[in-house]
Amino acid sequence: MGRDRSKSDLPTKVCPVCDLPFTWRKKWEKNWDEVKYCSERCRRRRSEAKE
C-alpha cells in the first residue's frame, strides 16, 4: 500500500537553463531519456542555456 521507492531513490538530471537538479516524474515515465528541462518555463527559455 505504501510507495515502492523513496524520492531520493529516483533518477535525477540537471536542467541546462537554471542549473538546478530535477527528479523523475511519473508523467515522464515513457520519455525520460528525452527530457532535458525541469519545467515548461525553462523549456521556453532554452535559448539562454549554455549548451
C-alpha atoms as a PDB file:
ATOM      1  CA  MET A   1       0.000   0.000   0.000  1.00  0.00           C
ATOM      2  CA  GLY A   2       2.984   2.304   0.511  1.00  0.00           C
ATOM      3  CA  ARG A   3       5.387   3.671  -2.022  1.00  0.00           C
ATOM      4  CA  ASP A   4       7.913   1.309  -3.560  1.00  0.00           C
ATOM      5  CA  ARG A   5      10.685   3.919  -3.762  1.00  0.00           C
ATOM      6  CA  SER A   6      11.582   6.994  -1.794  1.00  0.00           C
ATOM      7  CA  LYS A   7      12.073  10.233  -3.692  1.00  0.00           C
ATOM      8  CA  SER A   8      15.815  10.122  -3.072  1.00  0.00           C
ATOM      9  CA  ASP A   9      15.979   6.806  -4.985  1.00  0.00           C
ATOM     10  CA  LEU A  10      14.522   8.294  -8.184  1.00  0.00           C
ATOM     11  CA  PRO A  11      16.821   9.312 -11.050  1.00  0.00           C
ATOM     12  CA  THR A  12      17.744  12.978 -11.389  1.00  0.00           C
ATOM     13  CA  LYS A  13      19.041  15.302 -14.101  1.00  0.00           C
ATOM     14  CA  VAL A  14      20.323  18.886 -14.118  1.00  0.00           C
ATOM     15  CA  CYS A  15      18.391  21.463 -16.103  1.00  0.00           C
ATOM     16  CA  PRO A  16      20.688  23.248 -18.606  1.00  0.00           C
ATOM     17  CA  VAL A  17      18.765  26.537 -18.232  1.00  0.00           C
ATOM     18  CA  CYS A  18      18.523  27.011 -14.461  1.00  0.00           C
ATOM     19  CA  ASP A  19      21.298  24.546 -13.457  1.00  0.00           C
ATOM     20  CA  LEU A  20      19.078  23.004 -10.782  1.00  0.00           C
ATOM     21  CA  PRO A  21      18.580  19.275 -10.328  1.00  0.00           C
ATOM     22  CA  PHE A  22      15.162  17.803 -11.027  1.00  0.00           C
ATOM     23  CA  THR A  23      13.729  14.380 -10.266  1.00  0.00           C
ATOM     24  CA  TRP A  24      11.954  11.802 -12.400  1.00  0.00           C
ATOM     25  CA  ARG A  25       8.174  12.225 -12.588  1.00  0.00           C
ATOM     26  CA  LYS A  26       5.505   9.680 -13.446  1.00  0.00           C
ATOM     27  CA  LYS A  27       4.385  11.768 -16.450  1.00  0.00           C
ATOM     28  CA  TRP A  28       7.913  11.431 -17.888  1.00  0.00           C
ATOM     29  CA  GLU A  29       7.939   7.643 -17.491  1.00  0.00           C
ATOM     30  CA  LYS A  30       7.822   6.856 -21.224  1.00  0.00           C
ATOM     31  CA  ASN A  31      10.265   9.525 -22.404  1.00  0.00           C
ATOM     32  CA  TRP A  32      12.667  10.168 -19.502  1.00  0.00           C
ATOM     33  CA  ASP A  33      15.669   9.870 -21.860  1.00  0.00           C
ATOM     34  CA  GLU A  34      14.380  12.793 -23.941  1.00  0.00           C
ATOM     35  CA  VAL A  35      13.512  15.092 -21.010  1.00  0.00           C
ATOM     36  CA  LYS A  36      16.038  17.944 -20.802  1.00  0.00           C
ATOM     37  CA  TYR A  37      14.284  20.738 -18.937  1.00  0.00           C
ATOM     38  CA  CYS A  38      12.801  20.829 -15.435  1.00  0.00           C
ATOM     39  CA  SER A  39       9.762  22.864 -16.418  1.00  0.00           C
ATOM     40  CA  GLU A  40       7.830  24.408 -19.263  1.00  0.00           C
ATOM     41  CA  ARG A  41       9.280  27.793 -18.303  1.00  0.00           C
ATOM     42  CA  CYS A  42      12.853  26.524 -18.727  1.00  0.00           C
ATOM     43  CA  ARG A  43      11.945  24.832 -21.992  1.00  0.00           C
ATOM     44  CA  ARG A  44      10.711  28.172 -23.339  1.00  0.00           C
ATOM     45  CA  ARG A  45      13.889  29.910 -22.128  1.00  0.00           C
ATOM     46  CA  ARG A  46      16.203  27.292 -23.681  1.00  0.00           C
ATOM     47  CA  SER A  47      17.891  29.839 -25.959  1.00  0.00           C
ATOM     48  CA  GLU A  48      19.531  31.224 -22.824  1.00  0.00           C
ATOM     49  CA  ALA A  49      21.057  27.835 -21.976  1.00  0.00           C
ATOM     50  CA  LYS A  50      24.799  27.330 -22.024  1.00  0.00           C
ATOM     51  CA  GLU A  51      24.583  24.113 -24.109  1.00  0.00           C
END
